[in-house]
Amino acid sequence: MADIANRYPENIAGKYYVDSNCIDCDLCRETAPSNFGRNDDGGYSYVFKQPSTPEEEKQCTEAKEGCPVEAIGDNG
């Protein structure tokens, strides 16, 4: 389960975030490319844009549910 205390600083403020459990598998970036980006230097994903449409919300939820290490948090 994602821990807000371990969230990456690149995450934009809001409901979704990625924490330090991320293994850079690319699932979230493929599932919700409008919301998740990659820190190339650190090799991890982060939320660069919170969902603003029902479709983006659905994609972020799908990414969270599919994350193999539960690194995506949802403070909603």
N, C-alpha and C. Protein backbone atom coordinates (compact mmCIF):
# COMPACT_ATOMS: atom_id res chain seq x y z
N MET A 1 0.85 -1.18 0.00
CA MET A 1 0.00 0.00 0.00
C MET A 1 0.89 1.24 0.00
N ALA A 2 0.58 2.19 -0.86
CA ALA A 2 1.36 3.42 -0.96
C ALA A 2 1.27 4.22 0.34
N ASP A 3 2.38 4.90 0.64
CA ASP A 3 2.47 5.69 1.87
C ASP A 3 2.77 7.14 1.50
N ILE A 4 1.88 8.04 1.85
CA ILE A 4 2.05 9.45 1.51
C ILE A 4 3.34 10.03 2.09
N ALA A 5 3.81 9.48 3.18
CA ALA A 5 5.06 9.96 3.78
C ALA A 5 6.26 9.67 2.88
N ASN A 6 6.11 8.69 1.98
CA ASN A 6 7.20 8.30 1.08
C ASN A 6 6.93 8.72 -0.37
N ARG A 7 6.01 9.65 -0.57
CA ARG A 7 5.70 10.08 -1.94
C ARG A 7 6.87 10.85 -2.52
N TYR A 8 7.05 10.73 -3.83
CA TYR A 8 8.11 11.47 -4.51
C TYR A 8 7.76 12.95 -4.59
N PRO A 9 8.74 13.83 -4.45
CA PRO A 9 8.47 15.27 -4.46
C PRO A 9 7.96 15.79 -5.80
N GLU A 10 8.21 15.07 -6.88
CA GLU A 10 7.73 15.51 -8.20
C GLU A 10 6.22 15.41 -8.36
N ASN A 11 5.57 14.60 -7.53
CA ASN A 11 4.12 14.46 -7.62
C ASN A 11 3.46 15.82 -7.43
N ILE A 12 2.55 16.14 -8.33
CA ILE A 12 1.79 17.38 -8.18
C ILE A 12 0.76 17.16 -7.06
N ALA A 13 0.47 18.21 -6.34
CA ALA A 13 -0.49 18.10 -5.23
C ALA A 13 -1.84 17.60 -5.73
N GLY A 14 -2.47 16.77 -4.93
CA GLY A 14 -3.80 16.27 -5.27
C GLY A 14 -4.00 14.84 -4.81
N LYS A 15 -5.03 14.25 -5.32
CA LYS A 15 -5.50 12.93 -4.89
C LYS A 15 -4.49 11.81 -5.12
N TYR A 16 -3.91 11.73 -6.31
CA TYR A 16 -3.03 10.62 -6.66
C TYR A 16 -1.56 10.99 -6.46
N TYR A 17 -0.77 9.99 -6.12
CA TYR A 17 0.68 10.17 -5.98
C TYR A 17 1.37 8.82 -6.14
N VAL A 18 2.67 8.86 -6.37
CA VAL A 18 3.49 7.65 -6.44
C VAL A 18 4.52 7.74 -5.32
N ASP A 19 4.74 6.61 -4.63
CA ASP A 19 5.71 6.62 -3.54
C ASP A 19 6.98 5.85 -3.93
N SER A 20 7.87 5.73 -2.98
CA SER A 20 9.20 5.16 -3.23
C SER A 20 9.21 3.65 -3.49
N ASN A 21 8.05 3.00 -3.47
CA ASN A 21 7.98 1.59 -3.82
C ASN A 21 8.01 1.35 -5.33
N CYS A 22 7.91 2.42 -6.12
CA CYS A 22 7.84 2.31 -7.58
C CYS A 22 9.06 1.55 -8.12
N ILE A 23 8.79 0.59 -9.02
CA ILE A 23 9.84 -0.20 -9.65
C ILE A 23 10.02 0.17 -11.12
N ASP A 24 9.42 1.27 -11.55
CA ASP A 24 9.58 1.77 -12.92
C ASP A 24 9.12 0.75 -13.97
N CYS A 25 8.00 0.10 -13.71
CA CYS A 25 7.51 -0.93 -14.63
C CYS A 25 6.81 -0.36 -15.86
N ASP A 26 6.42 0.91 -15.81
CA ASP A 26 5.79 1.61 -16.93
C ASP A 26 4.28 1.40 -17.04
N LEU A 27 3.69 0.57 -16.19
CA LEU A 27 2.26 0.30 -16.29
C LEU A 27 1.43 1.57 -16.16
N CYS A 28 1.72 2.39 -15.18
CA CYS A 28 0.90 3.60 -14.98
C CYS A 28 1.06 4.58 -16.14
N ARG A 29 2.26 4.69 -16.68
CA ARG A 29 2.49 5.61 -17.80
C ARG A 29 1.81 5.13 -19.07
N GLU A 30 1.67 3.83 -19.21
CA GLU A 30 0.95 3.28 -20.36
C GLU A 30 -0.56 3.39 -20.16
N THR A 31 -1.01 3.20 -18.93
CA THR A 31 -2.45 3.19 -18.63
C THR A 31 -3.03 4.60 -18.58
N ALA A 32 -2.28 5.53 -18.00
CA ALA A 32 -2.75 6.93 -17.84
C ALA A 32 -1.64 7.90 -18.27
N PRO A 33 -1.32 7.92 -19.57
CA PRO A 33 -0.20 8.74 -20.04
C PRO A 33 -0.41 10.24 -19.88
N SER A 34 -1.63 10.68 -19.71
CA SER A 34 -1.90 12.10 -19.51
C SER A 34 -1.64 12.55 -18.08
N ASN A 35 -1.35 11.59 -17.20
CA ASN A 35 -1.23 11.91 -15.77
C ASN A 35 0.09 11.46 -15.13
N PHE A 36 0.67 10.39 -15.65
CA PHE A 36 1.90 9.86 -15.06
C PHE A 36 3.08 10.11 -15.98
N GLY A 37 4.18 10.52 -15.38
CA GLY A 37 5.41 10.73 -16.11
C GLY A 37 6.54 9.95 -15.47
N ARG A 38 7.74 10.08 -16.04
CA ARG A 38 8.89 9.33 -15.53
C ARG A 38 10.02 10.27 -15.16
N ASN A 39 10.62 10.03 -14.02
CA ASN A 39 11.85 10.70 -13.64
C ASN A 39 12.97 9.85 -14.21
N ASP A 40 13.58 10.33 -15.29
CA ASP A 40 14.61 9.54 -15.97
C ASP A 40 15.85 9.33 -15.12
N ASP A 41 16.22 10.31 -14.33
CA ASP A 41 17.41 10.18 -13.49
C ASP A 41 17.21 9.17 -12.36
N GLY A 42 16.03 9.20 -11.75
CA GLY A 42 15.75 8.31 -10.62
C GLY A 42 15.16 6.98 -11.02
N GLY A 43 14.59 6.90 -12.22
CA GLY A 43 13.98 5.65 -12.67
C GLY A 43 12.71 5.30 -11.93
N TYR A 44 11.77 6.27 -11.87
CA TYR A 44 10.49 6.02 -11.24
C TYR A 44 9.43 6.92 -11.85
N SER A 45 8.18 6.57 -11.61
CA SER A 45 7.05 7.34 -12.11
C SER A 45 6.58 8.32 -11.05
N TYR A 46 5.83 9.31 -11.51
CA TYR A 46 5.21 10.28 -10.60
C TYR A 46 4.00 10.88 -11.31
N VAL A 47 3.12 11.52 -10.56
CA VAL A 47 1.93 12.16 -11.12
C VAL A 47 2.28 13.60 -11.47
N PHE A 48 2.24 13.90 -12.78
CA PHE A 48 2.54 15.27 -13.20
C PHE A 48 1.27 16.09 -13.43
N LYS A 49 0.13 15.40 -13.49
CA LYS A 49 -1.15 16.09 -13.68
C LYS A 49 -2.24 15.25 -13.02
N GLN A 50 -3.00 15.86 -12.14
CA GLN A 50 -4.13 15.16 -11.53
C GLN A 50 -5.24 15.02 -12.57
N PRO A 51 -6.06 13.97 -12.49
CA PRO A 51 -7.12 13.78 -13.47
C PRO A 51 -8.12 14.93 -13.45
N SER A 52 -8.52 15.35 -14.65
CA SER A 52 -9.47 16.46 -14.76
C SER A 52 -10.72 16.08 -15.55
N THR A 53 -10.79 14.84 -16.00
CA THR A 53 -11.96 14.36 -16.73
C THR A 53 -12.34 12.99 -16.17
N PRO A 54 -13.57 12.55 -16.39
CA PRO A 54 -13.95 11.21 -15.94
C PRO A 54 -13.06 10.12 -16.56
N GLU A 55 -12.66 10.30 -17.80
CA GLU A 55 -11.81 9.31 -18.47
C GLU A 55 -10.43 9.24 -17.79
N GLU A 56 -9.84 10.39 -17.48
CA GLU A 56 -8.56 10.40 -16.79
C GLU A 56 -8.68 9.80 -15.40
N GLU A 57 -9.76 10.08 -14.70
CA GLU A 57 -10.00 9.49 -13.38
C GLU A 57 -10.06 7.97 -13.49
N LYS A 58 -10.76 7.48 -14.49
CA LYS A 58 -10.86 6.04 -14.71
C LYS A 58 -9.49 5.43 -14.99
N GLN A 59 -8.69 6.10 -15.81
CA GLN A 59 -7.36 5.60 -16.14
C GLN A 59 -6.44 5.59 -14.92
N CYS A 60 -6.52 6.63 -14.09
CA CYS A 60 -5.69 6.68 -12.88
C CYS A 60 -6.10 5.59 -11.89
N THR A 61 -7.38 5.36 -11.77
CA THR A 61 -7.87 4.29 -10.90
C THR A 61 -7.38 2.94 -11.41
N GLU A 62 -7.45 2.75 -12.72
CA GLU A 62 -6.98 1.50 -13.32
C GLU A 62 -5.47 1.32 -13.08
N ALA A 63 -4.71 2.40 -13.22
CA ALA A 63 -3.27 2.33 -12.97
C ALA A 63 -2.99 1.96 -11.52
N LYS A 64 -3.71 2.58 -10.60
CA LYS A 64 -3.54 2.29 -9.18
C LYS A 64 -3.85 0.83 -8.88
N GLU A 65 -4.96 0.35 -9.39
CA GLU A 65 -5.37 -1.03 -9.14
C GLU A 65 -4.43 -2.04 -9.79
N GLY A 66 -3.79 -1.65 -10.90
CA GLY A 66 -2.90 -2.57 -11.60
C GLY A 66 -1.44 -2.52 -11.16
N CYS A 67 -1.09 -1.54 -10.35
CA CYS A 67 0.30 -1.37 -9.92
C CYS A 67 0.78 -2.63 -9.20
N PRO A 68 1.84 -3.29 -9.70
CA PRO A 68 2.27 -4.56 -9.11
C PRO A 68 2.88 -4.44 -7.71
N VAL A 69 3.30 -3.24 -7.33
CA VAL A 69 3.90 -3.05 -6.00
C VAL A 69 3.11 -2.06 -5.13
N GLU A 70 1.91 -1.70 -5.57
CA GLU A 70 1.02 -0.80 -4.84
C GLU A 70 1.72 0.52 -4.49
N ALA A 71 2.44 1.10 -5.46
CA ALA A 71 3.17 2.35 -5.24
C ALA A 71 2.32 3.58 -5.53
N ILE A 72 1.11 3.40 -6.04
CA ILE A 72 0.24 4.52 -6.36
C ILE A 72 -0.77 4.70 -5.23
N GLY A 73 -0.78 5.91 -4.69
CA GLY A 73 -1.70 6.21 -3.61
C GLY A 73 -2.85 7.07 -4.10
N ASP A 74 -3.91 7.06 -3.33
CA ASP A 74 -5.13 7.78 -3.64
C ASP A 74 -5.68 8.35 -2.33
N ASN A 75 -5.53 9.65 -2.18
CA ASN A 75 -6.01 10.29 -0.95
C ASN A 75 -7.44 10.80 -1.09
N GLY A 76 -8.23 10.13 -1.88
CA GLY A 76 -9.56 10.60 -2.15
C GLY A 76 -10.59 10.08 -1.28
